[in-house]
Amino acid sequence: MKGTYLGEFEEIVLLAVAILYDQAYGLAIKKELEKQTGRTISIGAVHAACNRMQDKNFLEASYSEATSKRGGKRKKLYKVTVEGQKALTAARELRDRMWSQVSGSAFQSNFLT
């Protein structure tokens, strides 16, 4: 298994997959990310991130049934694995722990003047 480090983009992709649950396929993930972040996301970036996270065992994939609406093509559906859930929980705990240690004055702009 590759490294278990979870980058920011991978984290939000995992969260989008969890939000979409049984409808998490490439284009739906892209649209959810764009809705949540307000940024344009390329489908290639989504596919690359999903492939990396499959290699890390954070996501698993299966295929839907073929439909005439999609010209007989099947959707590749993603699901967060137990390892993916652990990685998300660890990332959240780290962020929460660090945020709790930030002083209220840390973001005052006095030092900029």
C-alpha atoms as a PDB file:
ATOM      1  CA  MET A   1       0.000   0.000   0.000  1.00  0.00           C
ATOM      2  CA  LYS A   2       1.220   3.490  -0.789  1.00  0.00           C
ATOM      3  CA  GLY A   3       1.642   6.144   1.904  1.00  0.00           C
ATOM      4  CA  THR A   4      -1.330   6.971   4.034  1.00  0.00           C
ATOM      5  CA  TYR A   5      -0.846  10.751   3.952  1.00  0.00           C
ATOM      6  CA  LEU A   6      -4.093  12.501   3.097  1.00  0.00           C
ATOM      7  CA  GLY A   7      -3.681  15.707   1.102  1.00  0.00           C
ATOM      8  CA  GLU A   8      -6.237  18.514   1.180  1.00  0.00           C
ATOM      9  CA  PHE A   9      -7.733  17.676  -2.217  1.00  0.00           C
ATOM     10  CA  GLU A  10      -7.892  13.991  -1.351  1.00  0.00           C
ATOM     11  CA  GLU A  11      -9.638  14.890   1.898  1.00  0.00           C
ATOM     12  CA  ILE A  12     -12.366  16.881   0.170  1.00  0.00           C
ATOM     13  CA  VAL A  13     -12.774  14.188  -2.496  1.00  0.00           C
ATOM     14  CA  LEU A  14     -13.280  11.577   0.239  1.00  0.00           C
ATOM     15  CA  LEU A  15     -15.802  13.846   1.919  1.00  0.00           C
ATOM     16  CA  ALA A  16     -17.643  14.353  -1.384  1.00  0.00           C
ATOM     17  CA  VAL A  17     -17.770  10.579  -1.901  1.00  0.00           C
ATOM     18  CA  ALA A  18     -19.219  10.196   1.604  1.00  0.00           C
ATOM     19  CA  ILE A  19     -21.795  12.943   0.945  1.00  0.00           C
ATOM     20  CA  LEU A  20     -22.867  11.336  -2.340  1.00  0.00           C
ATOM     21  CA  TYR A  21     -22.894   7.864  -0.786  1.00  0.00           C
ATOM     22  CA  ASP A  22     -24.252   5.434  -3.400  1.00  0.00           C
ATOM     23  CA  GLN A  23     -24.208   8.046  -6.202  1.00  0.00           C
ATOM     24  CA  ALA A  24     -20.461   8.813  -6.005  1.00  0.00           C
ATOM     25  CA  TYR A  25     -19.111   8.587  -9.550  1.00  0.00           C
ATOM     26  CA  GLY A  26     -16.625  10.860 -11.314  1.00  0.00           C
ATOM     27  CA  LEU A  27     -18.909  13.588 -12.663  1.00  0.00           C
ATOM     28  CA  ALA A  28     -21.108  13.663  -9.548  1.00  0.00           C
ATOM     29  CA  ILE A  29     -17.995  14.000  -7.360  1.00  0.00           C
ATOM     30  CA  LYS A  30     -16.728  16.855  -9.572  1.00  0.00           C
ATOM     31  CA  LYS A  31     -20.075  18.687  -9.323  1.00  0.00           C
ATOM     32  CA  GLU A  32     -20.253  18.204  -5.539  1.00  0.00           C
ATOM     33  CA  LEU A  33     -16.723  19.560  -5.130  1.00  0.00           C
ATOM     34  CA  GLU A  34     -17.540  22.596  -7.268  1.00  0.00           C
ATOM     35  CA  LYS A  35     -20.726  23.214  -5.288  1.00  0.00           C
ATOM     36  CA  GLN A  36     -18.946  22.900  -1.939  1.00  0.00           C
ATOM     37  CA  THR A  37     -15.773  24.843  -2.814  1.00  0.00           C
ATOM     38  CA  GLY A  38     -16.988  27.386  -5.367  1.00  0.00           C
ATOM     39  CA  ARG A  39     -14.007  26.441  -7.538  1.00  0.00           C
ATOM     40  CA  THR A  40     -13.771  24.840 -10.960  1.00  0.00           C
ATOM     41  CA  ILE A  41     -12.493  21.276 -10.673  1.00  0.00           C
ATOM     42  CA  SER A  42     -11.269  19.227 -13.623  1.00  0.00           C
ATOM     43  CA  ILE A  43     -12.643  15.737 -14.089  1.00  0.00           C
ATOM     44  CA  GLY A  44      -9.047  14.554 -14.611  1.00  0.00           C
ATOM     45  CA  ALA A  45      -8.095  15.782 -11.140  1.00  0.00           C
ATOM     46  CA  VAL A  46     -11.046  13.892  -9.661  1.00  0.00           C
ATOM     47  CA  HIS A  47     -10.127  10.671 -11.462  1.00  0.00           C
ATOM     48  CA  ALA A  48      -6.458  10.995 -10.511  1.00  0.00           C
ATOM     49  CA  ALA A  49      -7.334  11.569  -6.848  1.00  0.00           C
ATOM     50  CA  CYS A  50      -9.749   8.629  -6.824  1.00  0.00           C
ATOM     51  CA  ASN A  51      -7.117   6.377  -8.388  1.00  0.00           C
ATOM     52  CA  ARG A  52      -4.515   7.455  -5.793  1.00  0.00           C
ATOM     53  CA  MET A  53      -6.963   6.805  -2.992  1.00  0.00           C
ATOM     54  CA  GLN A  54      -7.804   3.376  -4.366  1.00  0.00           C
ATOM     55  CA  ASP A  55      -4.059   2.637  -4.280  1.00  0.00           C
ATOM     56  CA  LYS A  56      -4.002   3.796  -0.638  1.00  0.00           C
ATOM     57  CA  ASN A  57      -7.088   1.651   0.115  1.00  0.00           C
ATOM     58  CA  PHE A  58      -9.126   4.742   1.083  1.00  0.00           C
ATOM     59  CA  LEU A  59     -11.678   4.149  -1.689  1.00  0.00           C
ATOM     60  CA  GLU A  60     -13.101   1.077  -3.342  1.00  0.00           C
ATOM     61  CA  ALA A  61     -14.892   1.025  -6.670  1.00  0.00           C
ATOM     62  CA  SER A  62     -17.623  -0.993  -8.312  1.00  0.00           C
ATOM     63  CA  TYR A  63     -19.554  -0.578 -11.536  1.00  0.00           C
ATOM     64  CA  SER A  64     -23.223   0.227 -11.993  1.00  0.00           C
ATOM     65  CA  GLU A  65     -25.416  -1.542 -14.486  1.00  0.00           C
ATOM     66  CA  ALA A  66     -25.156  -0.314 -18.071  1.00  0.00           C
ATOM     67  CA  THR A  67     -27.932   2.060 -19.103  1.00  0.00           C
ATOM     68  CA  SER A  68     -29.186   3.202 -22.489  1.00  0.00           C
ATOM     69  CA  LYS A  69     -29.068   6.785 -21.174  1.00  0.00           C
ATOM     70  CA  ARG A  70     -25.280   6.475 -21.002  1.00  0.00           C
ATOM     71  CA  GLY A  71     -24.963   4.685 -24.357  1.00  0.00           C
ATOM     72  CA  GLY A  72     -24.554   1.333 -22.647  1.00  0.00           C
ATOM     73  CA  LYS A  73     -21.724   2.545 -20.425  1.00  0.00           C
ATOM     74  CA  ARG A  74     -21.515   1.732 -16.742  1.00  0.00           C
ATOM     75  CA  LYS A  75     -20.646   4.245 -14.013  1.00  0.00           C
ATOM     76  CA  LYS A  76     -17.633   3.616 -11.805  1.00  0.00           C
ATOM     77  CA  LEU A  77     -19.039   4.114  -8.309  1.00  0.00           C
ATOM     78  CA  TYR A  78     -16.781   4.892  -5.353  1.00  0.00           C
ATOM     79  CA  LYS A  79     -17.230   4.125  -1.688  1.00  0.00           C
ATOM     80  CA  VAL A  80     -15.117   5.224   1.291  1.00  0.00           C
ATOM     81  CA  THR A  81     -13.425   2.225   2.912  1.00  0.00           C
ATOM     82  CA  VAL A  82     -12.821   1.716   6.611  1.00  0.00           C
ATOM     83  CA  GLU A  83      -9.229   2.857   6.013  1.00  0.00           C
ATOM     84  CA  GLY A  84     -10.540   5.976   4.261  1.00  0.00           C
ATOM     85  CA  GLN A  85     -12.810   6.717   7.184  1.00  0.00           C
ATOM     86  CA  LYS A  86      -9.861   6.321   9.572  1.00  0.00           C
ATOM     87  CA  ALA A  87      -7.778   8.709   7.446  1.00  0.00           C
ATOM     88  CA  LEU A  88     -10.581  11.299   7.439  1.00  0.00           C
ATOM     89  CA  THR A  89     -11.043  10.988  11.189  1.00  0.00           C
ATOM     90  CA  ALA A  90      -7.300  11.357  11.793  1.00  0.00           C
ATOM     91  CA  ALA A  91      -7.160  14.447   9.542  1.00  0.00           C
ATOM     92  CA  ARG A  92     -10.110  16.011  11.367  1.00  0.00           C
ATOM     93  CA  GLU A  93      -8.635  15.250  14.789  1.00  0.00           C
ATOM     94  CA  LEU A  94      -5.282  16.772  13.795  1.00  0.00           C
ATOM     95  CA  ARG A  95      -6.936  19.926  12.472  1.00  0.00           C
ATOM     96  CA  ASP A  96      -9.169  20.251  15.548  1.00  0.00           C
ATOM     97  CA  ARG A  97      -6.217  19.713  17.896  1.00  0.00           C
ATOM     98  CA  MET A  98      -4.119  22.324  16.119  1.00  0.00           C
ATOM     99  CA  TRP A  99      -6.994  24.856  15.870  1.00  0.00           C
ATOM    100  CA  SER A 100      -7.594  24.511  19.602  1.00  0.00           C
ATOM    101  CA  GLN A 101      -4.024  25.637  20.221  1.00  0.00           C
ATOM    102  CA  VAL A 102      -4.171  28.778  18.069  1.00  0.00           C
ATOM    103  CA  SER A 103      -4.174  31.905  20.173  1.00  0.00           C
ATOM    104  CA  GLY A 104      -6.956  34.397  19.497  1.00  0.00           C
ATOM    105  CA  SER A 105      -4.306  37.014  18.777  1.00  0.00           C
ATOM    106  CA  ALA A 106      -2.494  34.844  16.207  1.00  0.00           C
ATOM    107  CA  PHE A 107      -4.424  36.358  13.325  1.00  0.00           C
ATOM    108  CA  GLN A 108      -4.368  39.989  14.374  1.00  0.00           C
ATOM    109  CA  SER A 109      -2.763  42.097  11.694  1.00  0.00           C
ATOM    110  CA  ASN A 110      -0.782  44.401  14.052  1.00  0.00           C
ATOM    111  CA  PHE A 111       2.533  43.004  12.861  1.00  0.00           C
ATOM    112  CA  LEU A 112       1.760  43.965   9.256  1.00  0.00           C
ATOM    113  CA  THR A 113       1.723  47.719   9.878  1.00  0.00           C
END
